C-alpha atoms as a PDB file:
ATOM      1  CA  UNK A   1       7.970   3.568  -2.149  1.00  0.00           C
ATOM      2  CA  UNK A   2       5.285   5.432  -4.075  1.00  0.00           C
ATOM      3  CA  UNK A   3       2.900   4.122  -6.739  1.00  0.00           C
ATOM      4  CA  UNK A   4       5.252   4.930  -9.654  1.00  0.00           C
ATOM      5  CA  UNK A   5       8.108   3.061  -7.988  1.00  0.00           C
ATOM      6  CA  UNK A   6       5.805   0.141  -7.205  1.00  0.00           C
ATOM      7  CA  UNK A   7       4.674  -0.069 -10.843  1.00  0.00           C
ATOM      8  CA  UNK A   8       8.322  -0.057 -11.960  1.00  0.00           C
ATOM      9  CA  UNK A   9       9.146  -2.833  -9.483  1.00  0.00           C
ATOM     10  CA  UNK A  10       6.171  -4.941 -10.633  1.00  0.00           C
ATOM     11  CA  UNK A  11       7.265  -4.475 -14.240  1.00  0.00           C
ATOM     12  CA  UNK A  12      10.804  -5.524 -13.365  1.00  0.00           C
ATOM     13  CA  UNK A  13       9.808  -8.630 -11.451  1.00  0.00           C
ATOM     14  CA  UNK A  14       6.953  -9.811 -13.699  1.00  0.00           C
ATOM     15  CA  UNK A  15       8.390  -9.013 -17.159  1.00  0.00           C
ATOM     16  CA  UNK A  16       5.296  -6.940 -17.913  1.00  0.00           C
ATOM     17  CA  UNK A  17       5.449  -3.486 -19.387  1.00  0.00           C
ATOM     18  CA  UNK A  18       5.034  -0.530 -17.053  1.00  0.00           C
ATOM     19  CA  UNK A  19       1.708   0.212 -18.681  1.00  0.00           C
ATOM     20  CA  UNK A  20       0.463  -3.379 -18.092  1.00  0.00           C
ATOM     21  CA  UNK A  21       1.866  -3.335 -14.551  1.00  0.00           C
ATOM     22  CA  UNK A  22       0.019  -0.120 -13.767  1.00  0.00           C
ATOM     23  CA  UNK A  23      -3.202  -1.546 -15.204  1.00  0.00           C
ATOM     24  CA  UNK A  24      -2.805  -4.678 -13.034  1.00  0.00           C
ATOM     25  CA  UNK A  25      -2.119  -2.658  -9.927  1.00  0.00           C
ATOM     26  CA  UNK A  26      -5.069  -0.356 -10.577  1.00  0.00           C
ATOM     27  CA  UNK A  27      -7.344  -3.370 -11.132  1.00  0.00           C
ATOM     28  CA  UNK A  28      -6.185  -4.925  -7.870  1.00  0.00           C
ATOM     29  CA  UNK A  29      -6.688  -1.727  -5.887  1.00  0.00           C
ATOM     30  CA  UNK A  30     -10.107  -1.207  -7.474  1.00  0.00           C
ATOM     31  CA  UNK A  31     -11.170  -4.788  -6.617  1.00  0.00           C
ATOM     32  CA  UNK A  32     -10.083  -4.339  -2.985  1.00  0.00           C
ATOM     33  CA  UNK A  33     -11.956  -1.031  -2.738  1.00  0.00           C
ATOM     34  CA  UNK A  34     -15.144  -2.461  -4.299  1.00  0.00           C
ATOM     35  CA  UNK A  35     -15.061  -5.441  -1.916  1.00  0.00           C
ATOM     36  CA  UNK A  36     -14.610  -3.175   1.159  1.00  0.00           C
ATOM     37  CA  UNK A  37     -17.458  -0.911   0.008  1.00  0.00           C
ATOM     38  CA  UNK A  38     -19.657  -4.020  -0.295  1.00  0.00           C
ATOM     39  CA  UNK A  39     -18.747  -4.937   3.305  1.00  0.00           C
ATOM     40  CA  UNK A  40     -16.586  -7.940   2.390  1.00  0.00           C
ATOM     41  CA  UNK A  41     -13.142  -8.852   3.748  1.00  0.00           C
ATOM     42  CA  UNK A  42     -10.237  -9.242   1.362  1.00  0.00           C
ATOM     43  CA  UNK A  43      -7.875 -11.990   2.560  1.00  0.00           C
ATOM     44  CA  UNK A  44      -4.474 -12.342   0.858  1.00  0.00           C
ATOM     45  CA  UNK A  45      -3.062 -15.455   2.523  1.00  0.00           C
ATOM     46  CA  UNK A  46       0.463 -14.836   3.794  1.00  0.00           C
ATOM     47  CA  UNK A  47       0.177 -11.091   3.273  1.00  0.00           C
ATOM     48  CA  UNK A  48      -2.761  -9.831   5.261  1.00  0.00           C
ATOM     49  CA  UNK A  49      -6.447  -8.941   5.498  1.00  0.00           C
ATOM     50  CA  UNK A  50      -8.224  -5.774   4.473  1.00  0.00           C
ATOM     51  CA  UNK A  51     -11.546  -5.143   6.227  1.00  0.00           C
ATOM     52  CA  UNK A  52     -13.960  -2.409   7.266  1.00  0.00           C
ATOM     53  CA  UNK A  53     -14.186  -1.755  10.994  1.00  0.00           C
ATOM     54  CA  UNK A  54     -17.005   0.106  12.712  1.00  0.00           C
ATOM     55  CA  UNK A  55     -15.899   2.853  15.094  1.00  0.00           C
ATOM     56  CA  UNK A  56     -18.304   3.742  17.864  1.00  0.00           C
ATOM     57  CA  UNK A  57     -19.475   7.270  18.595  1.00  0.00           C
ATOM     58  CA  UNK A  58     -17.155   8.904  21.098  1.00  0.00           C
ATOM     59  CA  UNK A  59     -16.501  12.140  22.921  1.00  0.00           C
ATOM     60  CA  UNK A  60     -13.506  14.227  21.912  1.00  0.00           C
ATOM     61  CA  UNK A  61     -12.151  17.599  22.913  1.00  0.00           C
ATOM     62  CA  UNK A  62     -11.533  20.683  20.820  1.00  0.00           C
ATOM     63  CA  UNK A  63      -7.821  21.434  21.453  1.00  0.00           C
ATOM     64  CA  UNK A  64      -8.305  25.211  21.062  1.00  0.00           C
ATOM     65  CA  UNK A  65     -11.270  25.662  23.404  1.00  0.00           C
ATOM     66  CA  UNK A  66     -11.191  22.494  25.462  1.00  0.00           C
ATOM     67  CA  UNK A  67     -14.910  22.046  24.752  1.00  0.00           C
ATOM     68  CA  UNK A  68     -16.282  18.487  24.483  1.00  0.00           C
ATOM     69  CA  UNK A  69     -17.477  17.471  21.046  1.00  0.00           C
ATOM     70  CA  UNK A  70     -19.293  14.392  19.848  1.00  0.00           C
ATOM     71  CA  UNK A  71     -17.425  12.413  17.161  1.00  0.00           C
ATOM     72  CA  UNK A  72     -20.005  10.381  15.200  1.00  0.00           C
ATOM     73  CA  UNK A  73     -19.776   6.641  14.558  1.00  0.00           C
ATOM     74  CA  UNK A  74     -18.082   5.809  11.264  1.00  0.00           C
ATOM     75  CA  UNK A  75     -16.689   3.000   9.187  1.00  0.00           C
ATOM     76  CA  UNK A  76     -12.938   2.828   8.720  1.00  0.00           C
ATOM     77  CA  UNK A  77     -10.781   0.673   6.418  1.00  0.00           C
ATOM     78  CA  UNK A  78      -8.240  -1.423   8.246  1.00  0.00           C
ATOM     79  CA  UNK A  79      -5.371  -3.765   7.377  1.00  0.00           C
ATOM     80  CA  UNK A  80      -4.068  -6.583   9.542  1.00  0.00           C
ATOM     81  CA  UNK A  81      -0.709  -8.014   8.486  1.00  0.00           C
ATOM     82  CA  UNK A  82      -0.480 -11.792   8.042  1.00  0.00           C
ATOM     83  CA  UNK A  83       1.994 -14.038   9.794  1.00  0.00           C
ATOM     84  CA  UNK A  84       4.331 -14.411   6.808  1.00  0.00           C
ATOM     85  CA  UNK A  85       4.513 -10.610   6.319  1.00  0.00           C
ATOM     86  CA  UNK A  86       5.108 -10.004  10.018  1.00  0.00           C
ATOM     87  CA  UNK A  87       7.955 -12.547  10.095  1.00  0.00           C
ATOM     88  CA  UNK A  88       9.520 -11.103   6.933  1.00  0.00           C
ATOM     89  CA  UNK A  89       9.621  -7.610   8.434  1.00  0.00           C
ATOM     90  CA  UNK A  90      11.258  -8.690  11.702  1.00  0.00           C
END
């Protein structure tokens, strides 16, 4: 499912127009992004948790040359599915 299909599904289920559904989806995605940038967790009970995880610096290898390279530490967005979502998918 892509964004267009998701907007159509939201419109169908919520009785909103596609335009309003897209605005709601964009607002939700923007709010999640802003919270993650601010270092906050976003917890959607029953669905899951969005958070930023810190990845340590590590050593990798260039596949062409086999040379060792240093991969710098970085922040990475992560999602952990909630219990209800996990059980629904099973």
